[in-house]
Amino acid sequence: MTSKQTLSKEPYSLLNHITTNIKGEIFIDRPAKHFNTILNYIRNDSTIQLTLLPNTKEELLELKIEATYYHLPKLRKKIEYKEKLIKK
């Protein structure tokens, strides 16, 4: 669970769009595995330390898919940067 205020912090995200156009409770039919990371990213005004992102290529890919789905390009760029660090 989270608040409408949190979801509306990223103005161009799907989450903001949902909170603008839907009233009451909503259910998002997506995997919950990385949703806390996404919420922390939004709560912290789009700043998230690389250490808070997953450390495996598989989990980074999963998170990148979710960041793409929710229209969070800045988070996606951070994920891609961390992917490059892991490949080295």
Protein backbone atom coordinates (compact mmCIF):
# COMPACT_ATOMS: atom_id res chain seq x y z
CA MET A 1 0.00 0.00 0.00
CA THR A 2 1.04 3.56 -0.63
CA SER A 3 -0.51 6.98 -0.84
CA LYS A 4 -1.79 8.91 -3.82
CA GLN A 5 0.67 11.65 -2.87
CA THR A 6 3.62 9.27 -3.28
CA LEU A 7 2.40 7.88 -6.60
CA SER A 8 1.92 11.37 -8.02
CA LYS A 9 5.52 12.51 -7.38
CA GLU A 10 6.76 11.39 -10.82
CA PRO A 11 4.65 13.57 -13.13
CA TYR A 12 5.01 11.52 -16.33
CA SER A 13 4.81 8.07 -14.80
CA LEU A 14 2.02 5.59 -15.27
CA LEU A 15 1.50 5.66 -11.49
CA ASN A 16 0.77 9.39 -11.57
CA HIS A 17 -1.57 8.90 -14.50
CA ILE A 18 -3.45 6.21 -12.58
CA THR A 19 -3.84 8.39 -9.49
CA THR A 20 -5.07 11.30 -11.58
CA ASN A 21 -7.73 9.32 -13.41
CA ILE A 22 -8.94 6.75 -10.89
CA LYS A 23 -10.60 7.34 -7.55
CA GLY A 24 -10.50 4.95 -4.59
CA GLU A 25 -8.36 1.86 -4.20
CA ILE A 26 -6.60 0.36 -7.18
CA PHE A 27 -4.99 -2.99 -7.86
CA ILE A 28 -1.97 -3.08 -10.14
CA ASP A 29 -1.58 -6.51 -11.68
CA ARG A 30 2.21 -6.56 -11.82
CA PRO A 31 4.88 -8.54 -9.95
CA ALA A 32 5.42 -7.11 -6.49
CA LYS A 33 9.06 -8.19 -6.23
CA HIS A 34 10.55 -4.79 -7.14
CA PHE A 35 7.68 -2.46 -6.29
CA ASN A 36 9.33 -1.35 -3.02
CA THR A 37 12.40 -0.25 -4.98
CA ILE A 38 10.16 1.70 -7.34
CA LEU A 39 8.31 3.33 -4.45
CA ASN A 40 11.59 4.23 -2.72
CA TYR A 41 12.82 5.78 -5.95
CA ILE A 42 9.65 7.88 -6.21
CA ARG A 43 9.62 8.78 -2.50
CA ASN A 44 13.19 10.04 -2.63
CA ASP A 45 12.52 12.48 -5.44
CA SER A 46 14.02 10.28 -8.13
CA THR A 47 17.33 9.87 -6.32
CA ILE A 48 18.31 6.37 -5.40
CA GLN A 49 21.76 5.13 -4.61
CA LEU A 50 23.13 2.43 -6.86
CA THR A 51 23.73 0.30 -3.77
CA LEU A 52 19.95 0.10 -3.27
CA LEU A 53 19.45 -1.46 -6.70
CA PRO A 54 19.69 -5.23 -7.15
CA ASN A 55 23.13 -6.76 -7.62
CA THR A 56 22.42 -9.45 -10.21
CA LYS A 57 21.87 -9.09 -13.95
CA GLU A 58 18.62 -11.05 -13.70
CA GLU A 59 17.13 -8.83 -10.99
CA LEU A 60 18.29 -5.67 -12.74
CA LEU A 61 16.56 -6.84 -15.90
CA GLU A 62 13.36 -7.52 -13.94
CA LEU A 63 13.53 -4.05 -12.39
CA LYS A 64 14.27 -2.45 -15.76
CA ILE A 65 11.14 -4.09 -17.18
CA GLU A 66 9.10 -2.61 -14.33
CA ALA A 67 10.71 0.83 -14.70
CA THR A 68 9.83 0.74 -18.39
CA TYR A 69 6.26 -0.34 -17.66
CA TYR A 70 5.76 2.47 -15.14
CA HIS A 71 7.41 5.06 -17.43
CA LEU A 72 10.33 5.87 -15.15
CA PRO A 73 13.17 6.68 -17.60
CA LYS A 74 15.53 8.13 -14.97
CA LEU A 75 15.32 4.94 -12.93
CA ARG A 76 15.87 2.91 -16.08
CA LYS A 77 19.06 4.89 -16.82
CA LYS A 78 20.37 4.18 -13.31
CA ILE A 79 19.63 0.49 -13.78
CA GLU A 80 21.45 0.47 -17.13
CA TYR A 81 24.44 2.19 -15.53
CA LYS A 82 24.58 -0.44 -12.80
CA GLU A 83 24.27 -3.19 -15.42
CA LYS A 84 27.43 -1.84 -17.07
CA LEU A 85 29.25 -1.88 -13.73
CA ILE A 86 28.33 -5.52 -13.19
CA LYS A 87 29.50 -6.52 -16.66
CA LYS A 88 32.99 -5.22 -15.94
